[in-house]
C-alpha atoms as a PDB file:
ATOM      1  CA  MET A   1      -0.252   0.147   0.240  1.00  0.00           C
ATOM      2  CA  ASP A   2       1.219   3.554  -0.853  1.00  0.00           C
ATOM      3  CA  LEU A   3       0.933   5.442   1.934  1.00  0.00           C
ATOM      4  CA  ASP A   4       1.526   8.822   0.571  1.00  0.00           C
ATOM      5  CA  SER A   5       1.862  12.785   1.915  1.00  0.00           C
ATOM      6  CA  ASN A   6      -1.979  14.238   2.140  1.00  0.00           C
ATOM      7  CA  VAL A   7      -1.645  16.100   5.239  1.00  0.00           C
ATOM      8  CA  GLY A   8       0.690  18.908   6.233  1.00  0.00           C
ATOM      9  CA  GLY A   9       0.770  22.683   6.793  1.00  0.00           C
ATOM     10  CA  ARG A  10      -1.809  24.082   9.748  1.00  0.00           C
ATOM     11  CA  ASP A  11      -3.696  20.056   8.860  1.00  0.00           C
ATOM     12  CA  ARG A  12      -0.540  19.760  10.319  1.00  0.00           C
ATOM     13  CA  LEU A  13      -0.024  21.738  13.068  1.00  0.00           C
ATOM     14  CA  VAL A  14      -3.697  21.311  13.901  1.00  0.00           C
ATOM     15  CA  ARG A  15      -2.985  17.294  14.656  1.00  0.00           C
ATOM     16  CA  ALA A  16      -0.239  17.728  16.112  1.00  0.00           C
ATOM     17  CA  THR A  17      -2.065  20.629  18.790  1.00  0.00           C
ATOM     18  CA  LEU A  18      -5.262  18.008  19.095  1.00  0.00           C
ATOM     19  CA  ALA A  19      -3.274  15.323  19.973  1.00  0.00           C
ATOM     20  CA  ALA A  20      -0.827  16.850  22.852  1.00  0.00           C
ATOM     21  CA  LEU A  21      -4.564  18.311  23.906  1.00  0.00           C
ATOM     22  CA  PHE A  22      -6.075  14.412  23.483  1.00  0.00           C
ATOM     23  CA  THR A  23      -2.861  13.700  25.812  1.00  0.00           C
ATOM     24  CA  VAL A  24      -3.875  16.056  28.629  1.00  0.00           C
ATOM     25  CA  VAL A  25      -7.113  15.074  29.202  1.00  0.00           C
ATOM     26  CA  ALA A  26      -6.575  11.303  29.067  1.00  0.00           C
ATOM     27  CA  ILE A  27      -4.356  11.448  31.483  1.00  0.00           C
ATOM     28  CA  ARG A  28      -6.111  13.765  34.252  1.00  0.00           C
ATOM     29  CA  SER A  29      -9.490  11.627  33.391  1.00  0.00           C
ATOM     30  CA  LEU A  30      -7.121   8.860  33.697  1.00  0.00           C
ATOM     31  CA  ARG A  31      -6.306   9.619  36.955  1.00  0.00           C
ATOM     32  CA  GLY A  32      -9.698  10.890  37.955  1.00  0.00           C
ATOM     33  CA  GLY A  33     -10.879   7.553  37.356  1.00  0.00           C
ATOM     34  CA  ARG A  34     -12.733   8.234  33.936  1.00  0.00           C
ATOM     35  CA  ARG A  35     -11.494   5.702  32.337  1.00  0.00           C
ATOM     36  CA  THR A  36     -13.988   5.701  29.487  1.00  0.00           C
ATOM     37  CA  LEU A  37     -13.426   8.868  29.068  1.00  0.00           C
ATOM     38  CA  GLY A  38      -9.605   8.377  29.297  1.00  0.00           C
ATOM     39  CA  LEU A  39      -9.835   5.366  27.325  1.00  0.00           C
ATOM     40  CA  LEU A  40     -11.324   7.442  24.088  1.00  0.00           C
ATOM     41  CA  ALA A  41      -9.022  10.333  24.578  1.00  0.00           C
ATOM     42  CA  GLY A  42      -5.790   8.218  24.636  1.00  0.00           C
ATOM     43  CA  ALA A  43      -7.235   6.818  21.378  1.00  0.00           C
ATOM     44  CA  GLY A  44      -7.958  10.161  19.712  1.00  0.00           C
ATOM     45  CA  ALA A  45      -4.558  11.615  21.091  1.00  0.00           C
ATOM     46  CA  LEU A  46      -2.924   7.994  19.203  1.00  0.00           C
ATOM     47  CA  GLY A  47      -4.982   8.731  16.096  1.00  0.00           C
ATOM     48  CA  PHE A  48      -4.082  12.786  15.758  1.00  0.00           C
ATOM     49  CA  GLY A  49      -0.343  12.398  17.066  1.00  0.00           C
ATOM     50  CA  CYS A  50       0.176   9.564  13.945  1.00  0.00           C
ATOM     51  CA  ASN A  51      -0.877  12.235  11.459  1.00  0.00           C
ATOM     52  CA  ALA A  52       1.303  14.514  12.401  1.00  0.00           C
ATOM     53  CA  THR A  53       4.311  12.994  12.066  1.00  0.00           C
ATOM     54  CA  THR A  54       3.659  10.290   8.766  1.00  0.00           C
ATOM     55  CA  CYS A  55       2.032  13.512   7.654  1.00  0.00           C
ATOM     56  CA  PHE A  56      -0.054  10.501   6.072  1.00  0.00           C
ATOM     57  CA  CYS A  57      -4.641  10.328   6.814  1.00  0.00           C
ATOM     58  CA  GLY A  58      -6.255   7.450   5.588  1.00  0.00           C
ATOM     59  CA  LEU A  59     -10.093   9.553   6.116  1.00  0.00           C
ATOM     60  CA  ASN A  60      -7.832  12.180   4.117  1.00  0.00           C
ATOM     61  CA  ARG A  61      -7.483   9.888   1.056  1.00  0.00           C
ATOM     62  CA  ALA A  62     -10.749   7.880   1.483  1.00  0.00           C
ATOM     63  CA  LEU A  63     -12.393  11.549   0.725  1.00  0.00           C
ATOM     64  CA  GLY A  64      -9.752  12.537  -2.046  1.00  0.00           C
ATOM     65  CA  SER A  65      -8.120  15.664   0.273  1.00  0.00           C
ATOM     66  CA  ASP A  66      -4.857  16.181   0.004  1.00  0.00           C
ATOM     67  CA  THR A  67      -3.278  19.706   2.111  1.00  0.00           C
ATOM     68  CA  SER A  68       0.016  18.686   2.077  1.00  0.00           C
ATOM     69  CA  GLU A  69       2.170  21.309  -0.535  1.00  0.00           C
ATOM     70  CA  SER A  70       3.018  18.804  -2.670  1.00  0.00           C
ATOM     71  CA  GLY A  71      -0.868  18.923  -2.951  1.00  0.00           C
ATOM     72  CA  ASN A  72      -0.858  22.077  -4.634  1.00  0.00           C
ATOM     73  CA  GLU A  73       0.757  21.408  -7.060  1.00  0.00           C
ATOM     74  CA  GLY A  74      -1.432  19.960  -9.904  1.00  0.00           C
ATOM     75  CA  ASP A  75      -3.624  22.568  -9.408  1.00  0.00           C
END
């Protein structure tokens, strides 16, 4: 499977920020005994963090969206 970059610019920054925010929510929730919220926030943090790190998003690919700089060359 070819994983071309389709996340970049502000989109990547927003995803990294959301990953950090969800990490804080997950830690606070797990410490407070709210396991369901903590696990969901942790999963979101992993997902957004992976997207920001690899510059690839499967949902973007499925929707035909490309926010990377290379995606704007064909326009």
